[in-house]
Amino acid sequence: MSDKSMFDEVFPQGKQIGGSHYKQFVIQPWTFIRKNGLNPFQANVIKYVCRYLTKGKTLEDLLKIKHYCDLEIEHLKESDGKNNKKKHNS
């Protein structure tokens, strides 16, 4: 009989360090994030929404979600500003 942990290095996607709060999802947050090519701000929103739902629904997690949404908004504004400058300079 083999020990299941021997597969952790070969299949790290089945392993979670520090709890099991993400394992209950049909699609792991990291799988969704990677397959959809999300940036770090978007990825953290997904991560903290999932964490909020499964790990106690804390105010801190909601504030982190809001913070990463605010960072994404700033990133979008900066990107739009750069794109608009390129259009006007062409």
N, C-alpha and C. Protein backbone atom coordinates (compact mmCIF):
# COMPACT_ATOMS: atom_id res chain seq x y z
N MET A 1 0.85 -1.18 0.00
CA MET A 1 0.00 0.00 0.00
C MET A 1 0.89 1.24 0.00
N SER A 2 0.52 2.27 -0.78
CA SER A 2 1.35 3.47 -0.88
C SER A 2 0.74 4.62 -0.08
N ASP A 3 1.60 5.54 0.28
CA ASP A 3 1.20 6.73 1.01
C ASP A 3 0.80 7.81 -0.01
N LYS A 4 -0.39 8.39 0.11
CA LYS A 4 -0.88 9.37 -0.84
C LYS A 4 0.04 10.59 -0.94
N SER A 5 0.73 10.94 0.14
CA SER A 5 1.59 12.12 0.13
C SER A 5 2.75 12.00 -0.85
N MET A 6 3.07 10.77 -1.28
CA MET A 6 4.17 10.60 -2.22
C MET A 6 3.84 11.23 -3.58
N PHE A 7 2.57 11.51 -3.85
CA PHE A 7 2.16 12.12 -5.10
C PHE A 7 2.15 13.64 -5.05
N ASP A 8 2.37 14.23 -3.87
CA ASP A 8 2.31 15.69 -3.72
C ASP A 8 3.30 16.42 -4.63
N GLU A 9 4.50 15.90 -4.78
CA GLU A 9 5.48 16.56 -5.64
C GLU A 9 5.13 16.42 -7.11
N VAL A 10 4.57 15.31 -7.48
CA VAL A 10 4.21 15.07 -8.88
C VAL A 10 2.93 15.83 -9.24
N PHE A 11 1.99 15.90 -8.31
CA PHE A 11 0.70 16.57 -8.52
C PHE A 11 0.48 17.64 -7.45
N PRO A 12 1.25 18.75 -7.48
CA PRO A 12 1.12 19.76 -6.43
C PRO A 12 -0.24 20.43 -6.39
N GLN A 13 -1.01 20.36 -7.48
CA GLN A 13 -2.32 21.00 -7.49
C GLN A 13 -3.29 20.34 -6.52
N GLY A 14 -3.02 19.12 -6.08
CA GLY A 14 -3.89 18.44 -5.13
C GLY A 14 -3.52 18.72 -3.68
N LYS A 15 -2.52 19.54 -3.48
CA LYS A 15 -1.98 19.80 -2.15
C LYS A 15 -2.28 21.25 -1.75
N GLN A 16 -2.62 21.47 -0.50
CA GLN A 16 -2.80 22.82 0.02
C GLN A 16 -2.05 22.94 1.32
N ILE A 17 -1.25 23.99 1.44
CA ILE A 17 -0.51 24.26 2.66
C ILE A 17 -1.37 25.16 3.54
N GLY A 18 -1.56 24.77 4.79
CA GLY A 18 -2.26 25.63 5.74
C GLY A 18 -3.77 25.60 5.66
N GLY A 19 -4.36 24.47 5.61
CA GLY A 19 -5.82 24.39 5.64
C GLY A 19 -6.38 23.64 4.45
N SER A 20 -7.70 23.64 4.38
CA SER A 20 -8.36 22.96 3.27
C SER A 20 -9.50 23.80 2.71
N HIS A 21 -9.50 25.11 3.01
CA HIS A 21 -10.62 25.96 2.64
C HIS A 21 -10.82 26.10 1.13
N TYR A 22 -9.80 25.85 0.30
CA TYR A 22 -9.98 25.94 -1.15
C TYR A 22 -10.35 24.59 -1.77
N LYS A 23 -10.11 23.51 -1.06
CA LYS A 23 -10.32 22.18 -1.62
C LYS A 23 -11.79 21.85 -1.86
N GLN A 24 -12.70 22.54 -1.23
CA GLN A 24 -14.12 22.22 -1.40
C GLN A 24 -14.70 22.74 -2.71
N PHE A 25 -13.98 23.59 -3.41
CA PHE A 25 -14.48 24.14 -4.67
C PHE A 25 -14.34 23.13 -5.80
N VAL A 26 -15.28 23.16 -6.73
CA VAL A 26 -15.23 22.29 -7.90
C VAL A 26 -13.99 22.62 -8.73
N ILE A 27 -13.69 23.90 -8.84
CA ILE A 27 -12.48 24.36 -9.53
C ILE A 27 -11.66 25.12 -8.49
N GLN A 28 -10.43 24.71 -8.30
CA GLN A 28 -9.55 25.42 -7.37
C GLN A 28 -9.34 26.85 -7.86
N PRO A 29 -9.29 27.83 -6.97
CA PRO A 29 -9.08 29.21 -7.40
C PRO A 29 -7.84 29.38 -8.29
N TRP A 30 -6.73 28.72 -7.94
CA TRP A 30 -5.51 28.88 -8.73
C TRP A 30 -5.70 28.34 -10.14
N THR A 31 -6.51 27.28 -10.31
CA THR A 31 -6.78 26.73 -11.64
C THR A 31 -7.58 27.74 -12.46
N PHE A 32 -8.62 28.30 -11.86
CA PHE A 32 -9.44 29.31 -12.52
C PHE A 32 -8.59 30.51 -12.92
N ILE A 33 -7.75 30.98 -12.00
CA ILE A 33 -6.90 32.15 -12.22
C ILE A 33 -5.95 31.90 -13.38
N ARG A 34 -5.27 30.77 -13.36
CA ARG A 34 -4.28 30.45 -14.39
C ARG A 34 -4.93 30.26 -15.75
N LYS A 35 -6.02 29.50 -15.79
CA LYS A 35 -6.67 29.21 -17.07
C LYS A 35 -7.32 30.43 -17.70
N ASN A 36 -7.62 31.43 -16.90
CA ASN A 36 -8.23 32.65 -17.41
C ASN A 36 -7.24 33.80 -17.55
N GLY A 37 -5.96 33.54 -17.25
CA GLY A 37 -4.92 34.54 -17.45
C GLY A 37 -5.13 35.83 -16.67
N LEU A 38 -5.60 35.70 -15.44
CA LEU A 38 -5.87 36.89 -14.64
C LEU A 38 -4.57 37.52 -14.13
N ASN A 39 -4.60 38.84 -13.98
CA ASN A 39 -3.44 39.53 -13.43
C ASN A 39 -3.45 39.38 -11.90
N PRO A 40 -2.38 39.79 -11.23
CA PRO A 40 -2.31 39.59 -9.77
C PRO A 40 -3.44 40.24 -8.97
N PHE A 41 -3.91 41.41 -9.40
CA PHE A 41 -5.01 42.06 -8.67
C PHE A 41 -6.29 41.25 -8.81
N GLN A 42 -6.60 40.84 -10.04
CA GLN A 42 -7.79 40.03 -10.30
C GLN A 42 -7.69 38.69 -9.58
N ALA A 43 -6.51 38.10 -9.60
CA ALA A 43 -6.29 36.81 -8.94
C ALA A 43 -6.56 36.90 -7.45
N ASN A 44 -6.10 37.96 -6.84
CA ASN A 44 -6.31 38.11 -5.39
C ASN A 44 -7.77 38.34 -5.05
N VAL A 45 -8.52 39.00 -5.93
CA VAL A 45 -9.96 39.14 -5.69
C VAL A 45 -10.60 37.76 -5.65
N ILE A 46 -10.28 36.92 -6.64
CA ILE A 46 -10.82 35.56 -6.68
C ILE A 46 -10.43 34.80 -5.42
N LYS A 47 -9.16 34.87 -5.08
CA LYS A 47 -8.64 34.15 -3.92
C LYS A 47 -9.36 34.56 -2.63
N TYR A 48 -9.50 35.88 -2.42
CA TYR A 48 -10.11 36.33 -1.17
C TYR A 48 -11.63 36.16 -1.15
N VAL A 49 -12.29 36.18 -2.30
CA VAL A 49 -13.72 35.87 -2.32
C VAL A 49 -13.92 34.42 -1.90
N CYS A 50 -13.11 33.52 -2.46
CA CYS A 50 -13.22 32.10 -2.08
C CYS A 50 -12.89 31.91 -0.61
N ARG A 51 -11.86 32.56 -0.16
CA ARG A 51 -11.44 32.45 1.24
C ARG A 51 -12.54 32.99 2.17
N TYR A 52 -13.13 34.12 1.78
CA TYR A 52 -14.20 34.72 2.57
C TYR A 52 -15.37 33.74 2.74
N LEU A 53 -15.72 33.05 1.67
CA LEU A 53 -16.86 32.13 1.70
C LEU A 53 -16.61 30.91 2.57
N THR A 54 -15.35 30.51 2.72
CA THR A 54 -15.06 29.23 3.38
C THR A 54 -14.30 29.33 4.69
N LYS A 55 -13.80 30.52 5.01
CA LYS A 55 -12.89 30.60 6.17
C LYS A 55 -13.35 31.58 7.24
N GLY A 56 -14.64 31.77 7.37
CA GLY A 56 -15.11 32.57 8.49
C GLY A 56 -15.77 33.89 8.16
N LYS A 57 -15.80 34.28 6.91
CA LYS A 57 -16.46 35.53 6.50
C LYS A 57 -16.05 36.71 7.37
N THR A 58 -14.75 37.03 7.34
CA THR A 58 -14.24 38.12 8.17
C THR A 58 -14.28 39.45 7.43
N LEU A 59 -14.37 40.52 8.19
CA LEU A 59 -14.31 41.86 7.65
C LEU A 59 -12.97 42.08 6.95
N GLU A 60 -11.90 41.53 7.51
CA GLU A 60 -10.57 41.69 6.91
C GLU A 60 -10.54 41.14 5.48
N ASP A 61 -11.16 39.98 5.26
CA ASP A 61 -11.18 39.43 3.91
C ASP A 61 -11.97 40.32 2.96
N LEU A 62 -13.08 40.89 3.41
CA LEU A 62 -13.85 41.81 2.56
C LEU A 62 -13.04 43.06 2.24
N LEU A 63 -12.31 43.56 3.22
CA LEU A 63 -11.47 44.73 2.98
C LEU A 63 -10.35 44.42 2.00
N LYS A 64 -9.80 43.20 2.06
CA LYS A 64 -8.78 42.80 1.09
C LYS A 64 -9.37 42.71 -0.31
N ILE A 65 -10.59 42.17 -0.43
CA ILE A 65 -11.26 42.11 -1.74
C ILE A 65 -11.42 43.52 -2.29
N LYS A 66 -11.91 44.43 -1.46
CA LYS A 66 -12.10 45.82 -1.87
C LYS A 66 -10.78 46.47 -2.26
N HIS A 67 -9.75 46.22 -1.48
CA HIS A 67 -8.43 46.79 -1.76
C HIS A 67 -7.92 46.34 -3.13
N TYR A 68 -8.03 45.05 -3.42
CA TYR A 68 -7.55 44.56 -4.72
C TYR A 68 -8.44 45.05 -5.85
N CYS A 69 -9.73 45.24 -5.61
CA CYS A 69 -10.60 45.85 -6.63
C CYS A 69 -10.16 47.29 -6.89
N ASP A 70 -9.85 48.03 -5.83
CA ASP A 70 -9.37 49.41 -5.98
C ASP A 70 -8.05 49.45 -6.75
N LEU A 71 -7.15 48.51 -6.46
CA LEU A 71 -5.88 48.45 -7.19
C LEU A 71 -6.10 48.14 -8.67
N GLU A 72 -7.03 47.24 -8.96
CA GLU A 72 -7.35 46.92 -10.36
C GLU A 72 -7.94 48.13 -11.07
N ILE A 73 -8.79 48.89 -10.38
CA ILE A 73 -9.36 50.11 -10.97
C ILE A 73 -8.26 51.10 -11.32
N GLU A 74 -7.32 51.29 -10.41
CA GLU A 74 -6.19 52.20 -10.67
C GLU A 74 -5.34 51.69 -11.83
N HIS A 75 -5.10 50.40 -11.87
CA HIS A 75 -4.33 49.79 -12.97
C HIS A 75 -5.04 50.03 -14.30
N LEU A 76 -6.36 49.85 -14.33
CA LEU A 76 -7.14 50.07 -15.55
C LEU A 76 -7.09 51.54 -15.97
N LYS A 77 -7.21 52.45 -15.01
CA LYS A 77 -7.15 53.87 -15.33
C LYS A 77 -5.79 54.24 -15.91
N GLU A 78 -4.71 53.71 -15.31
CA GLU A 78 -3.37 53.98 -15.81
C GLU A 78 -3.18 53.41 -17.21
N SER A 79 -3.67 52.20 -17.44
CA SER A 79 -3.57 51.57 -18.75
C SER A 79 -4.35 52.35 -19.79
N ASP A 80 -5.56 52.79 -19.44
CA ASP A 80 -6.37 53.58 -20.37
C ASP A 80 -5.70 54.91 -20.67
N GLY A 81 -5.11 55.52 -19.66
CA GLY A 81 -4.40 56.79 -19.86
C GLY A 81 -3.23 56.63 -20.80
N LYS A 82 -2.47 55.57 -20.66
CA LYS A 82 -1.34 55.31 -21.55
C LYS A 82 -1.82 55.02 -22.96
N ASN A 83 -2.90 54.25 -23.09
CA ASN A 83 -3.44 53.92 -24.41
C ASN A 83 -3.98 55.17 -25.11
N ASN A 84 -4.63 56.06 -24.35
CA ASN A 84 -5.16 57.29 -24.94
C ASN A 84 -4.03 58.21 -25.40
N LYS A 85 -2.93 58.27 -24.65
CA LYS A 85 -1.78 59.09 -25.05
C LYS A 85 -1.17 58.54 -26.34
N LYS A 86 -1.06 57.22 -26.47
CA LYS A 86 -0.51 56.61 -27.67
C LYS A 86 -1.37 56.93 -28.88
N LYS A 87 -2.71 56.90 -28.72
CA LYS A 87 -3.62 57.19 -29.83
C LYS A 87 -3.47 58.63 -30.30
N HIS A 88 -3.34 59.56 -29.34
CA HIS A 88 -3.24 60.97 -29.68
C HIS A 88 -1.89 61.32 -30.27
N ASN A 89 -0.84 60.58 -29.93
CA ASN A 89 0.50 60.87 -30.44
C ASN A 89 0.76 60.19 -31.79
N SER A 90 -0.15 59.36 -32.24
CA SER A 90 0.06 58.64 -33.52
C SER A 90 -0.31 59.48 -34.70
